[in-house]
């Protein structure tokens, strides 16, 4: 995958190790940050990284870990 900041559905799928169909569906549903340019979806790598960090931070496992660290 090139070191480009702008990514396609296929690039994001490879990056997140998911099927392109999943990324396409999530983009259509607004579950992953994307921009539709004409008929194509485009993603910014830095935004995908921030989105992934937020997904991890909101996960039940992370919340449990934070709870244990506070106690």
PDB file of N, CA and C in Angstrom:
ATOM      1  N   UNK A   1       0.865  -1.189   0.000  1.00  0.00           N
ATOM      2  CA  UNK A   1       0.000   0.000   0.000  1.00  0.00           C
ATOM      3  C   UNK A   1       0.897   1.233   0.000  1.00  0.00           C
ATOM      4  N   UNK A   2       0.649   2.154  -0.898  1.00  0.00           N
ATOM      5  CA  UNK A   2       1.483   3.349  -0.918  1.00  0.00           C
ATOM      6  C   UNK A   2       1.329   4.143   0.375  1.00  0.00           C
ATOM      7  N   UNK A   3       2.291   4.994   0.628  1.00  0.00           N
ATOM      8  CA  UNK A   3       2.285   5.776   1.864  1.00  0.00           C
ATOM      9  C   UNK A   3       1.420   7.027   1.737  1.00  0.00           C
ATOM     10  N   UNK A   4       0.369   6.946   0.940  1.00  0.00           N
ATOM     11  CA  UNK A   4      -0.486   8.090   0.684  1.00  0.00           C
ATOM     12  C   UNK A   4      -1.431   8.334   1.851  1.00  0.00           C
ATOM     13  N   UNK A   5      -1.716   9.610   2.103  1.00  0.00           N
ATOM     14  CA  UNK A   5      -2.669   9.986   3.144  1.00  0.00           C
ATOM     15  C   UNK A   5      -4.094   9.670   2.706  1.00  0.00           C
ATOM     16  N   UNK A   6      -4.354   9.717   1.392  1.00  0.00           N
ATOM     17  CA  UNK A   6      -5.689   9.447   0.865  1.00  0.00           C
ATOM     18  C   UNK A   6      -5.768   7.973   0.482  1.00  0.00           C
ATOM     19  N   UNK A   7      -6.798   7.303   0.969  1.00  0.00           N
ATOM     20  CA  UNK A   7      -6.935   5.865   0.776  1.00  0.00           C
ATOM     21  C   UNK A   7      -8.258   5.524   0.096  1.00  0.00           C
ATOM     22  N   UNK A   8      -8.257   4.422  -0.635  1.00  0.00           N
ATOM     23  CA  UNK A   8      -9.467   3.897  -1.261  1.00  0.00           C
ATOM     24  C   UNK A   8     -10.096   2.859  -0.329  1.00  0.00           C
ATOM     25  N   UNK A   9     -11.263   2.352  -0.723  1.00  0.00           N
ATOM     26  CA  UNK A   9     -11.907   1.272   0.035  1.00  0.00           C
ATOM     27  C   UNK A   9     -10.949   0.087   0.163  1.00  0.00           C
ATOM     28  N   UNK A  10     -10.305  -0.279  -0.935  1.00  0.00           N
ATOM     29  CA  UNK A  10      -9.378  -1.420  -0.914  1.00  0.00           C
ATOM     30  C   UNK A  10      -8.193  -1.156   0.013  1.00  0.00           C
ATOM     31  N   UNK A  11      -7.667   0.073  -0.006  1.00  0.00           N
ATOM     32  CA  UNK A  11      -6.550   0.425   0.880  1.00  0.00           C
ATOM     33  C   UNK A  11      -6.951   0.279   2.347  1.00  0.00           C
ATOM     34  N   UNK A  12      -8.123   0.822   2.695  1.00  0.00           N
ATOM     35  CA  UNK A  12      -8.590   0.772   4.087  1.00  0.00           C
ATOM     36  C   UNK A  12      -8.855  -0.678   4.498  1.00  0.00           C
ATOM     37  N   UNK A  13      -9.422  -1.455   3.594  1.00  0.00           N
ATOM     38  CA  UNK A  13      -9.679  -2.867   3.895  1.00  0.00           C
ATOM     39  C   UNK A  13      -8.372  -3.591   4.211  1.00  0.00           C
ATOM     40  N   UNK A  14      -7.348  -3.368   3.393  1.00  0.00           N
ATOM     41  CA  UNK A  14      -6.043  -3.996   3.662  1.00  0.00           C
ATOM     42  C   UNK A  14      -5.468  -3.490   4.977  1.00  0.00           C
ATOM     43  N   UNK A  15      -5.567  -2.191   5.199  1.00  0.00           N
ATOM     44  CA  UNK A  15      -5.014  -1.554   6.398  1.00  0.00           C
ATOM     45  C   UNK A  15      -5.652  -2.112   7.674  1.00  0.00           C
ATOM     46  N   UNK A  16      -6.980  -2.266   7.653  1.00  0.00           N
ATOM     47  CA  UNK A  16      -7.708  -2.752   8.829  1.00  0.00           C
ATOM     48  C   UNK A  16      -7.897  -4.273   8.820  1.00  0.00           C
ATOM     49  N   UNK A  17      -7.414  -4.915   7.760  1.00  0.00           N
ATOM     50  CA  UNK A  17      -7.527  -6.367   7.600  1.00  0.00           C
ATOM     51  C   UNK A  17      -8.990  -6.823   7.646  1.00  0.00           C
ATOM     52  N   UNK A  18      -9.799  -6.132   6.832  1.00  0.00           N
ATOM     53  CA  UNK A  18     -11.216  -6.437   6.674  1.00  0.00           C
ATOM     54  C   UNK A  18     -11.509  -6.591   5.188  1.00  0.00           C
ATOM     55  N   UNK A  19     -12.703  -7.087   4.886  1.00  0.00           N
ATOM     56  CA  UNK A  19     -13.111  -7.217   3.492  1.00  0.00           C
ATOM     57  C   UNK A  19     -13.517  -5.843   2.950  1.00  0.00           C
ATOM     58  N   UNK A  20     -13.215  -5.583   1.676  1.00  0.00           N
ATOM     59  CA  UNK A  20     -13.631  -4.305   1.082  1.00  0.00           C
ATOM     60  C   UNK A  20     -15.138  -4.072   1.194  1.00  0.00           C
ATOM     61  N   UNK A  21     -15.921  -5.143   1.102  1.00  0.00           N
ATOM     62  CA  UNK A  21     -17.378  -5.001   1.209  1.00  0.00           C
ATOM     63  C   UNK A  21     -17.774  -4.419   2.564  1.00  0.00           C
ATOM     64  N   UNK A  22     -17.052  -4.809   3.619  1.00  0.00           N
ATOM     65  CA  UNK A  22     -17.336  -4.297   4.962  1.00  0.00           C
ATOM     66  C   UNK A  22     -17.057  -2.799   5.024  1.00  0.00           C
ATOM     67  N   UNK A  23     -15.920  -2.384   4.492  1.00  0.00           N
ATOM     68  CA  UNK A  23     -15.559  -0.963   4.503  1.00  0.00           C
ATOM     69  C   UNK A  23     -16.575  -0.156   3.696  1.00  0.00           C
ATOM     70  N   UNK A  24     -16.945  -0.665   2.536  1.00  0.00           N
ATOM     71  CA  UNK A  24     -17.921   0.014   1.675  1.00  0.00           C
ATOM     72  C   UNK A  24     -19.256   0.179   2.411  1.00  0.00           C
ATOM     73  N   UNK A  25     -19.711  -0.878   3.041  1.00  0.00           N
ATOM     74  CA  UNK A  25     -20.983  -0.835   3.783  1.00  0.00           C
ATOM     75  C   UNK A  25     -20.897   0.164   4.939  1.00  0.00           C
ATOM     76  N   UNK A  26     -19.814   0.105   5.700  1.00  0.00           N
ATOM     77  CA  UNK A  26     -19.642   1.039   6.817  1.00  0.00           C
ATOM     78  C   UNK A  26     -19.617   2.481   6.331  1.00  0.00           C
ATOM     79  N   UNK A  27     -18.960   2.729   5.197  1.00  0.00           N
ATOM     80  CA  UNK A  27     -18.912   4.089   4.648  1.00  0.00           C
ATOM     81  C   UNK A  27     -20.318   4.553   4.275  1.00  0.00           C
ATOM     82  N   UNK A  28     -21.073   3.694   3.608  1.00  0.00           N
ATOM     83  CA  UNK A  28     -22.444   4.043   3.224  1.00  0.00           C
ATOM     84  C   UNK A  28     -23.311   4.338   4.444  1.00  0.00           C
ATOM     85  N   UNK A  29     -23.095   3.578   5.527  1.00  0.00           N
ATOM     86  CA  UNK A  29     -23.893   3.723   6.739  1.00  0.00           C
ATOM     87  C   UNK A  29     -23.370   4.804   7.681  1.00  0.00           C
ATOM     88  N   UNK A  30     -22.248   5.414   7.336  1.00  0.00           N
ATOM     89  CA  UNK A  30     -21.672   6.448   8.194  1.00  0.00           C
ATOM     90  C   UNK A  30     -20.983   5.900   9.428  1.00  0.00           C
ATOM     91  N   UNK A  31     -20.621   4.628   9.418  1.00  0.00           N
ATOM     92  CA  UNK A  31     -19.970   4.012  10.577  1.00  0.00           C
ATOM     93  C   UNK A  31     -18.467   4.255  10.606  1.00  0.00           C
ATOM     94  N   UNK A  32     -17.912   4.663   9.464  1.00  0.00           N
ATOM     95  CA  UNK A  32     -16.486   4.957   9.363  1.00  0.00           C
ATOM     96  C   UNK A  32     -16.369   6.284   8.619  1.00  0.00           C
ATOM     97  N   UNK A  33     -15.483   7.168   9.055  1.00  0.00           N
ATOM     98  CA  UNK A  33     -15.392   8.489   8.403  1.00  0.00           C
ATOM     99  C   UNK A  33     -14.850   8.384   6.977  1.00  0.00           C
ATOM    100  N   UNK A  34     -15.609   8.908   6.040  1.00  0.00           N
ATOM    101  CA  UNK A  34     -15.247   8.830   4.625  1.00  0.00           C
ATOM    102  C   UNK A  34     -15.898   9.975   3.868  1.00  0.00           C
ATOM    103  N   UNK A  35     -15.379  10.221   2.674  1.00  0.00           N
ATOM    104  CA  UNK A  35     -15.960  11.220   1.770  1.00  0.00           C
ATOM    105  C   UNK A  35     -16.247  10.534   0.451  1.00  0.00           C
ATOM    106  N   UNK A  36     -17.431  10.776  -0.093  1.00  0.00           N
ATOM    107  CA  UNK A  36     -17.776  10.219  -1.401  1.00  0.00           C
ATOM    108  C   UNK A  36     -17.460  11.266  -2.456  1.00  0.00           C
ATOM    109  N   UNK A  37     -16.525  10.929  -3.319  1.00  0.00           N
ATOM    110  CA  UNK A  37     -16.115  11.826  -4.398  1.00  0.00           C
ATOM    111  C   UNK A  37     -16.589  11.198  -5.700  1.00  0.00           C
ATOM    112  N   UNK A  38     -17.662  11.734  -6.237  1.00  0.00           N
ATOM    113  CA  UNK A  38     -18.293  11.106  -7.398  1.00  0.00           C
ATOM    114  C   UNK A  38     -18.908   9.793  -6.952  1.00  0.00           C
ATOM    115  N   UNK A  39     -18.477   8.703  -7.547  1.00  0.00           N
ATOM    116  CA  UNK A  39     -18.995   7.381  -7.177  1.00  0.00           C
ATOM    117  C   UNK A  39     -18.043   6.624  -6.258  1.00  0.00           C
ATOM    118  N   UNK A  40     -16.931   7.248  -5.919  1.00  0.00           N
ATOM    119  CA  UNK A  40     -15.885   6.571  -5.147  1.00  0.00           C
ATOM    120  C   UNK A  40     -15.790   7.104  -3.723  1.00  0.00           C
ATOM    121  N   UNK A  41     -15.503   6.217  -2.784  1.00  0.00           N
ATOM    122  CA  UNK A  41     -15.262   6.600  -1.400  1.00  0.00           C
ATOM    123  C   UNK A  41     -13.781   6.828  -1.204  1.00  0.00           C
ATOM    124  N   UNK A  42     -13.436   7.862  -0.431  1.00  0.00           N
ATOM    125  CA  UNK A  42     -12.054   8.135  -0.083  1.00  0.00           C
ATOM    126  C   UNK A  42     -11.950   8.358   1.417  1.00  0.00           C
ATOM    127  N   UNK A  43     -10.805   7.997   1.956  1.00  0.00           N
ATOM    128  CA  UNK A  43     -10.549   8.035   3.386  1.00  0.00           C
ATOM    129  C   UNK A  43      -9.198   8.697   3.625  1.00  0.00           C
ATOM    130  N   UNK A  44      -9.073   9.419   4.721  1.00  0.00           N
ATOM    131  CA  UNK A  44      -7.796  10.022   5.096  1.00  0.00           C
ATOM    132  C   UNK A  44      -7.184   9.135   6.191  1.00  0.00           C
ATOM    133  N   UNK A  45      -5.946   8.699   5.957  1.00  0.00           N
ATOM    134  CA  UNK A  45      -5.298   7.759   6.885  1.00  0.00           C
ATOM    135  C   UNK A  45      -5.306   8.280   8.327  1.00  0.00           C
ATOM    136  N   UNK A  46      -4.988   9.553   8.529  1.00  0.00           N
ATOM    137  CA  UNK A  46      -4.938  10.101   9.893  1.00  0.00           C
ATOM    138  C   UNK A  46      -6.315  10.059  10.559  1.00  0.00           C
ATOM    139  N   UNK A  47      -7.371  10.252   9.772  1.00  0.00           N
ATOM    140  CA  UNK A  47      -8.733  10.194  10.325  1.00  0.00           C
ATOM    141  C   UNK A  47      -9.108   8.756  10.665  1.00  0.00           C
ATOM    142  N   UNK A  48      -8.709   7.816   9.814  1.00  0.00           N
ATOM    143  CA  UNK A  48      -8.966   6.399  10.103  1.00  0.00           C
ATOM    144  C   UNK A  48      -8.227   5.982  11.375  1.00  0.00           C
ATOM    145  N   UNK A  49      -6.985   6.440  11.526  1.00  0.00           N
ATOM    146  CA  UNK A  49      -6.224   6.124  12.746  1.00  0.00           C
ATOM    147  C   UNK A  49      -6.922   6.668  13.993  1.00  0.00           C
ATOM    148  N   UNK A  50      -7.388   7.915  13.924  1.00  0.00           N
ATOM    149  CA  UNK A  50      -8.086   8.524  15.060  1.00  0.00           C
ATOM    150  C   UNK A  50      -9.392   7.790  15.342  1.00  0.00           C
ATOM    151  N   UNK A  51     -10.114   7.415  14.284  1.00  0.00           N
ATOM    152  CA  UNK A  51     -11.366   6.675  14.426  1.00  0.00           C
ATOM    153  C   UNK A  51     -11.101   5.320  15.092  1.00  0.00           C
ATOM    154  N   UNK A  52     -10.050   4.628  14.663  1.00  0.00           N
ATOM    155  CA  UNK A  52      -9.710   3.329  15.248  1.00  0.00           C
ATOM    156  C   UNK A  52      -9.339   3.482  16.720  1.00  0.00           C
ATOM    157  N   UNK A  53      -8.557   4.510  17.051  1.00  0.00           N
ATOM    158  CA  UNK A  53      -8.215   4.772  18.446  1.00  0.00           C
ATOM    159  C   UNK A  53      -9.471   4.985  19.288  1.00  0.00           C
ATOM    160  N   UNK A  54     -10.436   5.722  18.743  1.00  0.00           N
ATOM    161  CA  UNK A  54     -11.695   5.970  19.464  1.00  0.00           C
ATOM    162  C   UNK A  54     -12.491   4.677  19.641  1.00  0.00           C
ATOM    163  N   UNK A  55     -12.485   3.819  18.622  1.00  0.00           N
ATOM    164  CA  UNK A  55     -13.189   2.538  18.724  1.00  0.00           C
ATOM    165  C   UNK A  55     -12.576   1.696  19.835  1.00  0.00           C
ATOM    166  N   UNK A  56     -11.260   1.676  19.905  1.00  0.00           N
ATOM    167  CA  UNK A  56     -10.567   0.909  20.938  1.00  0.00           C
ATOM    168  C   UNK A  56     -10.860   1.494  22.311  1.00  0.00           C
ATOM    169  N   UNK A  57     -10.809   2.825  22.427  1.00  0.00           N
ATOM    170  CA  UNK A  57     -11.049   3.483  23.714  1.00  0.00           C
ATOM    171  C   UNK A  57     -12.448   3.216  24.232  1.00  0.00           C
ATOM    172  N   UNK A  58     -13.413   3.062  23.328  1.00  0.00           N
ATOM    173  CA  UNK A  58     -14.809   2.829  23.733  1.00  0.00           C
ATOM    174  C   UNK A  58     -15.141   1.352  23.921  1.00  0.00           C
ATOM    175  N   UNK A  59     -14.200   0.467  23.660  1.00  0.00           N
ATOM    176  CA  UNK A  59     -14.493  -0.962  23.757  1.00  0.00           C
ATOM    177  C   UNK A  59     -14.689  -1.375  25.218  1.00  0.00           C
ATOM    178  N   UNK A  60     -15.561  -2.356  25.457  1.00  0.00           N
ATOM    179  CA  UNK A  60     -15.773  -2.838  26.828  1.00  0.00           C
ATOM    180  C   UNK A  60     -14.481  -3.306  27.491  1.00  0.00           C
ATOM    181  N   UNK A  61     -13.603  -3.935  26.746  1.00  0.00           N
ATOM    182  CA  UNK A  61     -12.341  -4.419  27.316  1.00  0.00           C
ATOM    183  C   UNK A  61     -11.491  -3.249  27.815  1.00  0.00           C
ATOM    184  N   UNK A  62     -11.446  -2.159  27.052  1.00  0.00           N
ATOM    185  CA  UNK A  62     -10.646  -1.002  27.452  1.00  0.00           C
ATOM    186  C   UNK A  62     -11.263  -0.329  28.672  1.00  0.00           C
ATOM    187  N   UNK A  63     -12.585  -0.239  28.690  1.00  0.00           N
ATOM    188  CA  UNK A  63     -13.257   0.370  29.846  1.00  0.00           C
ATOM    189  C   UNK A  63     -12.996  -0.447  31.108  1.00  0.00           C
ATOM    190  N   UNK A  64     -12.995  -1.764  30.977  1.00  0.00           N
ATOM    191  CA  UNK A  64     -12.710  -2.648  32.118  1.00  0.00           C
ATOM    192  C   UNK A  64     -11.270  -2.453  32.584  1.00  0.00           C
ATOM    193  N   UNK A  65     -10.346  -2.347  31.644  1.00  0.00           N
ATOM    194  CA  UNK A  65      -8.943  -2.136  31.970  1.00  0.00           C
ATOM    195  C   UNK A  65      -8.757  -0.802  32.700  1.00  0.00           C
ATOM    196  N   UNK A  66      -9.423   0.247  32.232  1.00  0.00           N
ATOM    197  CA  UNK A  66      -9.344   1.558  32.874  1.00  0.00           C
ATOM    198  C   UNK A  66      -9.893   1.493  34.304  1.00  0.00           C
ATOM    199  N   UNK A  67     -10.986   0.734  34.475  1.00  0.00           N
ATOM    200  CA  UNK A  67     -11.589   0.587  35.787  1.00  0.00           C
ATOM    201  C   UNK A  67     -10.609  -0.088  36.755  1.00  0.00           C
ATOM    202  N   UNK A  68      -9.933  -1.133  36.289  1.00  0.00           N
ATOM    203  CA  UNK A  68      -8.967  -1.862  37.118  1.00  0.00           C
ATOM    204  C   UNK A  68      -7.777  -0.980  37.469  1.00  0.00           C
ATOM    205  N   UNK A  69      -7.334  -0.158  36.532  1.00  0.00           N
ATOM    206  CA  UNK A  69      -6.186   0.710  36.780  1.00  0.00           C
ATOM    207  C   UNK A  69      -6.491   1.826  37.780  1.00  0.00           C
ATOM    208  N   UNK A  70      -7.748   2.243  37.848  1.00  0.00           N
ATOM    209  CA  UNK A  70      -8.147   3.295  38.794  1.00  0.00           C
ATOM    210  C   UNK A  70      -8.260   2.745  40.215  1.00  0.00           C
ATOM    211  N   UNK A  71      -8.647   1.477  40.286  1.00  0.00           N
ATOM    212  CA  UNK A  71      -8.913   0.860  41.588  1.00  0.00           C
ATOM    213  C   UNK A  71      -7.674   0.411  42.223  1.00  0.00           C
TER     214      UNK A  71
END
